[in-house]
Amino acid sequence: MKIIILGAGQVGGTLAEHLASEANDITVVDTDGDRLRDLGDRLDIRTVQGRGSFPTVLRQAGADDADMLVAVTSSDETNMVACQVAYTLFHTPTKIARVRESAYLTRAGLFDNEAIPVDVLISPEQVVTNYIKRLIEHPGALQVIDFAEGKAQLVAVKAYYGGPLVGQQLRQIRQHMPNVDTRVAAIFRRDRPILPQGDTVIEADDEVFFIAAKANIRAVMGELRRLDETNKRVVIAGGGQIGERLAEAIESRYQVKIIEMNPARCRHLSDTLDSTVVLQGSASDRDLMLEENIAEADIFLALTNDDEANIMSSLLAKRLGARKVMTIINNPAYVDLVQGGEIDIAISPQLATIGTLLAHVRRGDIVSVHSLRRGAAEAIEAIAHGDSKSSKVIGKAIENIDLPPGTTIGAIIRDEEVLIAHDDTVIEAGDHVILFVVDKKYIRDVEKLFHVGLSFF
């Protein structure tokens, strides 16, 4: 696939890295020559320096025969104009734009071919807000991913000493929970992936990814670790777009406080939010944190745009007694350094956004793609289309499907029912199939599994 990526920042660069490894023809456009040289030295891609909304620059990047334009520059306006130019002058089939400003997103009818021709809108702030909200709703989870509109969930937890299944073989899950069907999709032990078998023994500190129907998630978590208490009190450092959206989404269910430095922003938050307490000040101010009883907080969230400020305020909150600390980290190099120590969960907005982008770039009937363990693996939701003659999966039991190395099928959603995958489970037309891919070089082979042969049409 021939793809033009506008913007060589964190999102554009990470997306190029993902796609270049999968034999796509990638061109990255940016005004920053140093960024482009860095990407070009590391990846097998073309680079073009210039403004991505200029017709001459897009033509130089190969827009005449590009399959897709992904506009993820830091400017909403540049992204939207680039999509308009690509549609009008080059008839680019698929145009994806990152748009941050809610003033654009809330206008119905703005993004269609009669107005601004954007096929797929990506709002990083909303993606990250939803991501954090799921973590708050599942105390103890490192990552929570929805499939088929939330009918099934993939959850990552760290196995703790004393968990009922720690030291036990996976096949004993059924004995522990005879009324709950679940499947362990993958295990990461000391940062190395282990493909789970029936005789695989779960060890303390393993990062375990399991899939189950949404209603059964908490029961399975209880088998792997002691269940954390339900969250009640949430403190948010940073009242920007993510902080505001998150408070708005959770304030009806939790006691929420926002700490924000900017007086004008504080007034806006006070006027906009219903029950959230808005405090003007710095989350790195020890006296303020003590005064606001940070030791009683179930979750402290550092959501400013400053990585260093987020890290320092998170460390302070943890030292002062906050039960769990989550931090947004924009620099991917910091994520692995800080997670798992004083900071419980480091959230990378880039990786959360990448999954949304990848779902629209993948070939085959791919509904959603989620990056796991900071990009080390992927969870994919694909729809089985066709019939037993035209499809490589329909009508076959899972044990008879030629899955690429390092790939497992975790579950199947059929209408409203969640079927946990077993060897004798047969895939039917219309099934949503949840796959876990540890080795990303086999992504293209997974996509091919779900291509429908011409005989079907």
Protein backbone atom coordinates (compact mmCIF):
# COMPACT_ATOMS: atom_id res chain seq x y z
CA MET A 1 0.00 0.00 0.00
CA LYS A 2 1.30 3.47 -0.89
CA ILE A 3 0.84 5.76 2.11
CA ILE A 4 1.78 9.41 2.64
CA ILE A 5 2.20 10.46 6.28
CA LEU A 6 2.14 14.20 7.00
CA GLY A 7 4.01 14.98 10.21
CA ALA A 8 7.21 13.37 11.49
CA GLY A 9 6.43 13.91 15.18
CA GLN A 10 5.85 11.19 17.74
CA VAL A 11 2.63 9.87 16.16
CA GLY A 12 3.77 10.18 12.53
CA GLY A 13 7.19 8.71 13.28
CA THR A 14 5.77 5.78 15.28
CA LEU A 15 3.19 5.06 12.57
CA ALA A 16 5.91 5.10 9.88
CA GLU A 17 7.95 2.68 11.99
CA HIS A 18 5.01 0.27 12.30
CA LEU A 19 4.11 0.38 8.63
CA ALA A 20 7.61 0.38 7.12
CA SER A 21 8.29 -2.99 8.77
CA GLU A 22 5.28 -4.44 6.94
CA ALA A 23 6.48 -3.80 3.36
CA ASN A 24 4.35 -0.72 2.70
CA ASP A 25 5.56 2.12 0.46
CA ILE A 26 5.83 4.99 2.97
CA THR A 27 6.60 8.67 2.37
CA VAL A 28 6.82 11.07 5.33
CA VAL A 29 6.39 14.83 4.86
CA ASP A 30 7.48 17.44 7.42
CA THR A 31 8.93 20.95 7.55
CA ASP A 32 11.64 19.79 10.00
CA GLY A 33 14.62 18.44 8.03
CA ASP A 34 16.38 17.07 11.12
CA ARG A 35 13.40 14.91 12.05
CA LEU A 36 13.15 13.62 8.51
CA ARG A 37 16.86 12.74 8.38
CA ASP A 38 16.55 10.86 11.67
CA LEU A 39 13.57 8.85 10.37
CA GLY A 40 15.22 8.25 6.99
CA ASP A 41 18.37 6.92 8.63
CA ARG A 42 16.39 4.42 10.74
CA LEU A 43 13.64 3.31 8.38
CA ASP A 44 13.26 2.21 4.76
CA ILE A 45 11.05 5.16 3.77
CA ARG A 46 11.04 8.24 1.51
CA THR A 47 11.02 11.71 3.06
CA VAL A 48 9.95 15.07 1.62
CA GLN A 49 10.61 18.40 3.35
CA GLY A 50 7.84 20.97 3.03
CA ARG A 51 4.33 21.93 4.13
CA GLY A 52 2.01 18.98 3.74
CA SER A 53 -0.95 21.10 2.66
CA PHE A 54 0.85 22.50 -0.40
CA PRO A 55 -0.19 20.80 -3.70
CA THR A 56 3.41 20.85 -4.99
CA VAL A 57 4.68 19.11 -1.86
CA LEU A 58 1.94 16.46 -2.00
CA ARG A 59 2.70 15.81 -5.68
CA GLN A 60 6.41 15.45 -4.84
CA ALA A 61 5.43 12.94 -2.12
CA GLY A 62 3.58 10.83 -4.70
CA ALA A 63 -0.03 11.88 -4.16
CA ASP A 64 -0.88 11.17 -7.80
CA ASP A 65 -1.11 7.43 -7.10
CA ALA A 66 -1.19 7.23 -3.28
CA ASP A 67 -3.70 4.86 -1.67
CA MET A 68 -3.91 6.79 1.58
CA LEU A 69 -3.06 10.13 3.18
CA VAL A 70 -2.55 10.23 6.95
CA ALA A 71 -2.36 13.85 8.17
CA VAL A 72 -1.04 13.92 11.74
CA THR A 73 0.82 17.24 11.92
CA SER A 74 0.48 19.36 15.06
CA SER A 75 -1.91 21.72 13.21
CA ASP A 76 -5.60 20.78 12.82
CA GLU A 77 -5.92 23.29 10.00
CA THR A 78 -2.96 21.91 8.05
CA ASN A 79 -4.37 18.39 8.39
CA MET A 80 -7.81 19.41 7.15
CA VAL A 81 -6.53 21.49 4.21
CA ALA A 82 -4.19 18.64 3.18
CA CYS A 83 -7.17 16.26 3.01
CA GLN A 84 -9.09 18.82 0.93
CA VAL A 85 -6.19 19.19 -1.52
CA ALA A 86 -5.67 15.42 -1.74
CA TYR A 87 -9.38 14.92 -2.49
CA THR A 88 -9.74 17.76 -5.01
CA LEU A 89 -6.49 17.48 -6.94
CA PHE A 90 -5.34 13.89 -6.50
CA HIS A 91 -8.56 11.91 -5.76
CA THR A 92 -6.78 10.08 -2.92
CA PRO A 93 -9.08 7.16 -1.92
CA THR A 94 -8.62 7.32 1.88
CA LYS A 95 -7.87 10.44 3.90
CA ILE A 96 -7.23 10.30 7.66
CA ALA A 97 -6.78 13.46 9.75
CA ARG A 98 -5.84 14.08 13.34
CA VAL A 99 -8.12 16.83 14.68
CA ARG A 100 -7.69 17.91 18.30
CA GLU A 101 -9.90 20.95 18.71
CA SER A 102 -13.36 20.04 20.01
CA ALA A 103 -14.83 23.13 18.27
CA TYR A 104 -14.31 21.29 14.96
CA LEU A 105 -15.34 17.86 16.23
CA THR A 106 -18.73 18.93 17.53
CA ARG A 107 -19.94 20.42 14.23
CA ALA A 108 -22.20 17.93 12.44
CA GLY A 109 -21.71 17.66 8.70
CA LEU A 110 -18.36 19.42 8.67
CA PHE A 111 -16.38 16.37 7.63
CA ASP A 112 -17.81 14.90 4.44
CA ASN A 113 -17.06 15.18 0.73
CA GLU A 114 -19.36 18.18 0.33
CA ALA A 115 -17.45 20.12 3.02
CA ILE A 116 -14.06 18.96 4.34
CA PRO A 117 -13.39 15.53 2.80
CA VAL A 118 -11.95 13.55 5.73
CA ASP A 119 -12.80 9.85 5.73
CA VAL A 120 -11.50 9.07 9.23
CA LEU A 121 -11.13 11.53 12.12
CA ILE A 122 -8.65 10.76 14.88
CA SER A 123 -8.95 12.67 18.16
CA PRO A 124 -5.96 11.69 20.36
CA GLU A 125 -7.44 13.39 23.41
CA GLN A 126 -10.64 11.34 23.19
CA VAL A 127 -8.73 8.11 22.54
CA VAL A 128 -6.54 8.69 25.63
CA THR A 129 -9.54 9.76 27.74
CA ASN A 130 -11.36 6.50 26.93
CA TYR A 131 -8.17 4.53 27.64
CA ILE A 132 -7.74 6.08 31.12
CA LYS A 133 -11.45 5.73 31.93
CA ARG A 134 -11.26 1.95 31.36
CA LEU A 135 -8.23 1.72 33.66
CA ILE A 136 -10.10 3.59 36.41
CA GLU A 137 -13.06 1.22 36.02
CA HIS A 138 -10.78 -1.85 36.40
CA PRO A 139 -8.58 -1.37 39.49
CA GLY A 140 -5.40 -3.43 39.19
CA ALA A 141 -5.35 -3.60 35.37
CA LEU A 142 -2.31 -2.43 33.39
CA GLN A 143 -4.26 -2.22 30.14
CA VAL A 144 -7.93 -2.72 29.22
CA ILE A 145 -9.10 -3.08 25.61
CA ASP A 146 -12.68 -3.30 24.36
CA PHE A 147 -13.71 -5.54 21.47
CA ALA A 148 -17.05 -5.66 19.63
CA GLU A 149 -18.30 -2.50 21.36
CA GLY A 150 -17.28 -3.74 24.81
CA LYS A 151 -18.85 -7.21 24.70
CA ALA A 152 -15.41 -8.76 25.27
CA GLN A 153 -12.33 -7.26 26.90
CA LEU A 154 -8.63 -8.02 26.84
CA VAL A 155 -7.01 -7.16 30.16
CA ALA A 156 -3.36 -7.11 31.21
CA VAL A 157 -2.52 -7.69 34.87
CA LYS A 158 0.65 -8.41 36.81
CA ALA A 159 0.40 -11.76 38.62
CA TYR A 160 1.07 -11.30 42.34
CA TYR A 161 2.43 -13.66 44.99
CA GLY A 162 -0.55 -15.28 46.67
CA GLY A 163 -2.87 -15.20 43.64
CA PRO A 164 -4.80 -18.50 43.41
CA LEU A 165 -3.40 -19.33 39.96
CA VAL A 166 0.20 -18.26 40.58
CA GLY A 167 2.37 -21.39 40.51
CA GLN A 168 -0.42 -23.32 38.76
CA GLN A 169 -0.75 -24.58 35.19
CA LEU A 170 -3.09 -22.68 32.88
CA ARG A 171 -5.30 -25.72 32.35
CA GLN A 172 -6.34 -25.40 36.00
CA ILE A 173 -8.19 -22.15 35.33
CA ARG A 174 -11.30 -24.20 34.45
CA GLN A 175 -11.13 -26.03 37.81
CA HIS A 176 -10.80 -22.75 39.72
CA MET A 177 -13.63 -21.08 37.80
CA PRO A 178 -15.96 -23.77 36.40
CA ASN A 179 -18.63 -21.19 35.50
CA VAL A 180 -16.32 -18.65 33.81
CA ASP A 181 -14.81 -19.13 30.37
CA THR A 182 -11.57 -17.24 29.73
CA ARG A 183 -8.37 -17.63 27.77
CA VAL A 184 -4.85 -16.40 28.48
CA ALA A 185 -3.77 -14.89 25.16
CA ALA A 186 -0.14 -14.22 26.07
CA ILE A 187 2.30 -13.93 28.94
CA PHE A 188 5.28 -11.59 29.15
CA ARG A 189 7.95 -12.79 31.57
CA ARG A 190 10.92 -10.50 32.16
CA ASP A 191 9.93 -8.62 28.98
CA ARG A 192 9.97 -11.75 26.81
CA PRO A 193 6.77 -13.17 25.27
CA ILE A 194 5.62 -16.69 26.15
CA LEU A 195 2.93 -18.36 24.04
CA PRO A 196 0.68 -19.99 26.63
CA GLN A 197 0.04 -23.74 26.56
CA GLY A 198 -2.06 -25.85 28.91
CA ASP A 199 1.02 -26.80 30.94
CA THR A 200 2.41 -23.24 31.16
CA VAL A 201 2.90 -22.27 34.81
CA ILE A 202 2.09 -18.69 35.82
CA GLU A 203 4.85 -17.08 37.87
CA ALA A 204 4.66 -14.06 40.17
CA ASP A 205 5.39 -10.80 38.30
CA ASP A 206 4.30 -12.29 34.95
CA GLU A 207 2.35 -9.80 32.83
CA VAL A 208 -0.69 -11.84 31.84
CA PHE A 209 -3.05 -10.89 29.00
CA PHE A 210 -6.41 -12.64 29.21
CA ILE A 211 -9.66 -12.25 27.31
CA ALA A 212 -13.17 -12.83 28.62
CA ALA A 213 -16.71 -11.51 28.39
CA LYS A 214 -16.92 -8.10 30.08
CA ALA A 215 -19.03 -9.46 32.95
CA ASN A 216 -16.35 -12.03 33.88
CA ILE A 217 -13.27 -9.76 33.88
CA ARG A 218 -13.22 -9.03 37.62
CA ALA A 219 -13.56 -12.72 38.54
CA VAL A 220 -10.57 -13.67 36.37
CA MET A 221 -8.46 -10.81 37.76
CA GLY A 222 -9.10 -12.18 41.25
CA GLU A 223 -7.44 -15.46 40.26
CA LEU A 224 -4.20 -13.73 39.25
CA ARG A 225 -3.81 -11.05 41.91
CA ARG A 226 -5.45 -9.67 45.00
CA LEU A 227 -8.31 -7.47 43.87
CA ASP A 228 -7.81 -3.77 44.47
CA GLU A 229 -10.58 -1.87 46.19
CA THR A 230 -13.05 -0.01 44.00
CA ASN A 231 -11.85 3.47 43.14
CA LYS A 232 -13.74 6.40 44.65
CA ARG A 233 -11.46 9.45 44.93
CA VAL A 234 -9.62 10.66 41.81
CA VAL A 235 -7.17 13.59 41.68
CA ILE A 236 -6.20 14.95 38.23
CA ALA A 237 -3.13 17.14 37.74
CA GLY A 238 -3.65 19.20 34.60
CA GLY A 239 -6.93 20.69 33.39
CA GLY A 240 -6.16 20.60 29.67
CA GLN A 241 -8.31 18.84 27.09
CA ILE A 242 -7.65 15.34 28.43
CA GLY A 243 -8.09 16.37 32.06
CA GLU A 244 -11.35 18.18 31.30
CA ARG A 245 -12.78 15.36 29.15
CA LEU A 246 -11.87 12.73 31.74
CA ALA A 247 -13.41 14.69 34.62
CA GLU A 248 -16.57 15.21 32.56
CA ALA A 249 -16.75 11.46 31.82
CA ILE A 250 -16.27 10.22 35.40
CA GLU A 251 -17.50 12.95 37.77
CA SER A 252 -20.96 11.37 38.11
CA ARG A 253 -19.42 8.16 39.53
CA TYR A 254 -16.31 9.35 41.39
CA GLN A 255 -15.20 12.19 43.66
CA VAL A 256 -12.97 14.19 41.30
CA LYS A 257 -10.53 17.04 41.93
CA ILE A 258 -8.52 18.88 39.23
CA ILE A 259 -5.34 20.81 40.05
CA GLU A 260 -4.59 23.43 37.37
CA MET A 261 -2.06 26.29 37.32
CA ASN A 262 -3.75 28.65 34.82
CA PRO A 263 -6.38 30.92 36.50
CA ALA A 264 -8.37 31.41 33.27
CA ARG A 265 -8.44 27.67 32.65
CA CYS A 266 -9.61 27.11 36.24
CA ARG A 267 -12.54 29.48 35.68
CA HIS A 268 -13.44 27.64 32.46
CA LEU A 269 -13.33 24.26 34.23
CA SER A 270 -15.47 25.55 37.12
CA ASP A 271 -18.09 26.82 34.68
CA THR A 272 -18.06 23.66 32.54
CA LEU A 273 -17.91 20.80 35.04
CA ASP A 274 -20.76 19.88 37.38
CA SER A 275 -19.38 18.31 40.57
CA THR A 276 -15.60 18.32 40.03
CA VAL A 277 -13.63 20.43 42.56
CA VAL A 278 -11.20 22.74 40.70
CA LEU A 279 -8.07 23.90 42.54
CA GLN A 280 -5.62 26.51 41.28
CA GLY A 281 -2.03 25.56 41.98
CA SER A 282 0.79 23.15 41.19
CA ALA A 283 0.59 19.40 41.72
CA SER A 284 4.28 19.58 42.65
CA ASP A 285 3.42 21.82 45.64
CA ARG A 286 3.83 19.53 48.65
CA ASP A 287 1.80 21.77 50.97
CA LEU A 288 -1.13 21.89 48.55
CA MET A 289 -1.07 18.12 48.12
CA LEU A 290 -1.07 17.57 51.90
CA GLU A 291 -3.81 20.16 52.37
CA GLU A 292 -5.97 18.31 49.81
CA ASN A 293 -5.43 14.96 51.57
CA ILE A 294 -3.63 13.28 48.67
CA ALA A 295 -3.05 10.26 50.95
CA GLU A 296 -6.78 9.51 50.68
CA ALA A 297 -6.76 9.51 46.86
CA ASP A 298 -7.41 6.15 45.20
CA ILE A 299 -5.90 7.39 41.91
CA PHE A 300 -3.61 10.31 41.09
CA LEU A 301 -3.43 11.15 37.37
CA ALA A 302 -0.73 13.44 35.95
CA LEU A 303 -2.13 14.65 32.60
CA THR A 304 -0.19 17.81 31.72
CA ASN A 305 1.84 18.23 28.50
CA ASP A 306 5.12 18.31 30.44
CA ASP A 307 6.67 14.84 30.96
CA GLU A 308 9.05 16.00 33.67
CA ALA A 309 6.29 17.82 35.59
CA ASN A 310 4.09 14.71 35.30
CA ILE A 311 6.83 12.43 36.60
CA MET A 312 7.76 14.70 39.54
CA SER A 313 4.16 15.29 40.66
CA SER A 314 3.45 11.55 40.37
CA LEU A 315 6.47 10.65 42.50
CA LEU A 316 5.39 13.22 45.09
CA ALA A 317 1.79 11.94 45.13
CA LYS A 318 2.99 8.35 45.63
CA ARG A 319 5.36 9.34 48.44
CA LEU A 320 2.53 11.22 50.15
CA GLY A 321 0.29 8.13 50.08
CA ALA A 322 -1.79 8.11 46.87
CA ARG A 323 -2.82 4.48 46.34
CA LYS A 324 -2.26 4.33 42.57
CA VAL A 325 -0.47 6.73 40.24
CA MET A 326 -0.93 7.00 36.45
CA THR A 327 1.13 9.35 34.31
CA ILE A 328 0.98 10.53 30.70
CA ILE A 329 4.44 10.26 29.13
CA ASN A 330 4.89 11.74 25.65
CA ASN A 331 8.52 10.67 25.23
CA PRO A 332 8.48 6.90 24.49
CA ALA A 333 12.02 6.56 25.85
CA TYR A 334 10.71 7.45 29.33
CA VAL A 335 7.80 4.98 29.41
CA ASP A 336 9.74 1.82 30.26
CA LEU A 337 11.98 3.76 32.65
CA VAL A 338 9.18 4.95 34.92
CA GLN A 339 6.45 2.28 34.79
CA GLY A 340 6.32 -0.31 37.53
CA GLY A 341 8.28 1.58 40.19
CA GLU A 342 6.74 4.46 42.08
CA ILE A 343 4.58 5.13 39.01
CA ASP A 344 2.10 2.30 38.51
CA ILE A 345 1.08 2.95 34.90
CA ALA A 346 2.76 5.13 32.27
CA ILE A 347 0.40 6.06 29.42
CA SER A 348 1.76 6.83 25.96
CA PRO A 349 -0.74 8.95 23.96
CA GLN A 350 1.15 8.08 20.78
CA LEU A 351 0.72 4.33 21.19
CA ALA A 352 -2.94 4.71 22.15
CA THR A 353 -3.51 6.77 18.99
CA ILE A 354 -1.46 4.45 16.76
CA GLY A 355 -3.89 1.58 17.36
CA THR A 356 -6.78 3.69 16.04
CA LEU A 357 -4.76 4.63 12.96
CA LEU A 358 -3.60 1.08 12.27
CA ALA A 359 -7.18 -0.23 12.18
CA HIS A 360 -7.76 1.90 9.07
CA VAL A 361 -4.46 1.04 7.42
CA ARG A 362 -4.57 -2.73 7.78
CA ARG A 363 -5.72 -4.81 4.83
CA GLY A 364 -8.50 -7.37 5.10
CA ASP A 365 -11.59 -7.00 7.26
CA ILE A 366 -9.77 -5.54 10.26
CA VAL A 367 -12.10 -3.71 12.67
CA SER A 368 -9.63 -2.61 15.33
CA VAL A 369 -5.95 -2.87 16.16
CA HIS A 370 -4.46 -2.30 19.61
CA SER A 371 -0.82 -1.88 20.48
CA LEU A 372 0.19 -3.90 23.55
CA ARG A 373 3.16 -3.51 25.85
CA ARG A 374 4.29 -0.24 24.28
CA GLY A 375 4.16 -1.69 20.76
CA ALA A 376 5.75 -5.09 21.46
CA ALA A 377 2.63 -6.97 20.28
CA GLU A 378 -0.80 -6.33 18.78
CA ALA A 379 -4.36 -7.42 19.46
CA ILE A 380 -6.51 -7.44 16.33
CA GLU A 381 -10.26 -7.71 15.82
CA ALA A 382 -11.14 -9.07 12.37
CA ILE A 383 -14.47 -10.04 10.79
CA ALA A 384 -14.74 -13.36 8.95
CA HIS A 385 -16.47 -12.66 5.62
CA GLY A 386 -17.28 -14.99 2.74
CA ASP A 387 -18.00 -18.72 2.86
CA SER A 388 -16.09 -21.97 3.30
CA LYS A 389 -14.87 -21.83 -0.32
CA SER A 390 -13.70 -18.20 -0.45
CA SER A 391 -12.40 -17.82 3.12
CA LYS A 392 -9.34 -19.39 4.75
CA VAL A 393 -11.04 -19.47 8.17
CA ILE A 394 -14.82 -19.94 7.77
CA GLY A 395 -16.04 -23.48 8.43
CA LYS A 396 -12.74 -24.47 10.03
CA ALA A 397 -12.01 -25.45 13.61
CA ILE A 398 -9.32 -23.26 15.16
CA GLU A 399 -6.92 -26.19 15.45
CA ASN A 400 -7.09 -26.60 11.63
CA ILE A 401 -6.39 -22.93 10.79
CA ASP A 402 -2.83 -22.28 9.62
CA LEU A 403 -2.05 -19.41 11.99
CA PRO A 404 1.23 -17.50 11.52
CA PRO A 405 3.95 -18.15 14.16
CA GLY A 406 3.34 -16.38 17.45
CA THR A 407 -0.37 -15.86 16.71
CA THR A 408 -3.26 -17.08 18.85
CA ILE A 409 -7.04 -16.69 18.58
CA GLY A 410 -8.39 -15.60 21.94
CA ALA A 411 -12.13 -15.26 21.41
CA ILE A 412 -14.96 -15.04 18.90
CA ILE A 413 -17.92 -12.69 19.21
CA ARG A 414 -20.94 -14.12 17.43
CA ASP A 415 -23.94 -11.77 17.48
CA GLU A 416 -24.29 -10.95 21.21
CA GLU A 417 -22.41 -14.03 22.45
CA VAL A 418 -18.75 -14.13 23.50
CA LEU A 419 -17.18 -17.52 22.68
CA ILE A 420 -13.76 -18.12 24.24
CA ALA A 421 -11.62 -19.88 21.62
CA HIS A 422 -10.94 -23.60 22.01
CA ASP A 423 -9.29 -25.96 19.52
CA ASP A 424 -12.64 -27.34 18.32
CA THR A 425 -14.38 -23.95 17.97
CA VAL A 426 -15.54 -23.52 14.35
CA ILE A 427 -15.52 -20.02 12.82
CA GLU A 428 -18.68 -18.90 11.03
CA ALA A 429 -19.38 -16.07 8.58
CA GLY A 430 -19.84 -12.75 10.39
CA ASP A 431 -17.83 -13.77 13.46
CA HIS A 432 -15.63 -11.13 15.06
CA VAL A 433 -12.33 -12.94 15.69
CA ILE A 434 -9.91 -11.59 18.32
CA LEU A 435 -6.28 -12.45 17.54
CA PHE A 436 -3.13 -11.81 19.53
CA VAL A 437 0.05 -11.34 17.47
CA VAL A 438 3.34 -11.42 19.39
CA ASP A 439 5.64 -11.13 16.34
CA LYS A 440 4.54 -8.15 14.26
CA LYS A 441 6.40 -9.27 11.14
CA TYR A 442 3.53 -11.74 10.64
CA ILE A 443 0.82 -9.03 10.62
CA ARG A 444 0.52 -9.20 6.83
CA ASP A 445 -0.06 -12.98 7.04
CA VAL A 446 -2.83 -12.41 9.58
CA GLU A 447 -4.45 -9.88 7.23
CA LYS A 448 -4.30 -12.38 4.36
CA LEU A 449 -6.18 -14.94 6.46
CA PHE A 450 -9.20 -12.65 6.41
CA HIS A 451 -9.10 -11.72 2.72
CA VAL A 452 -12.11 -12.99 0.81
CA GLY A 453 -11.33 -14.86 -2.42
CA LEU A 454 -12.77 -13.60 -5.71
CA SER A 455 -14.98 -16.70 -5.96
CA PHE A 456 -17.23 -15.17 -3.30
CA PHE A 457 -18.24 -12.16 -5.41
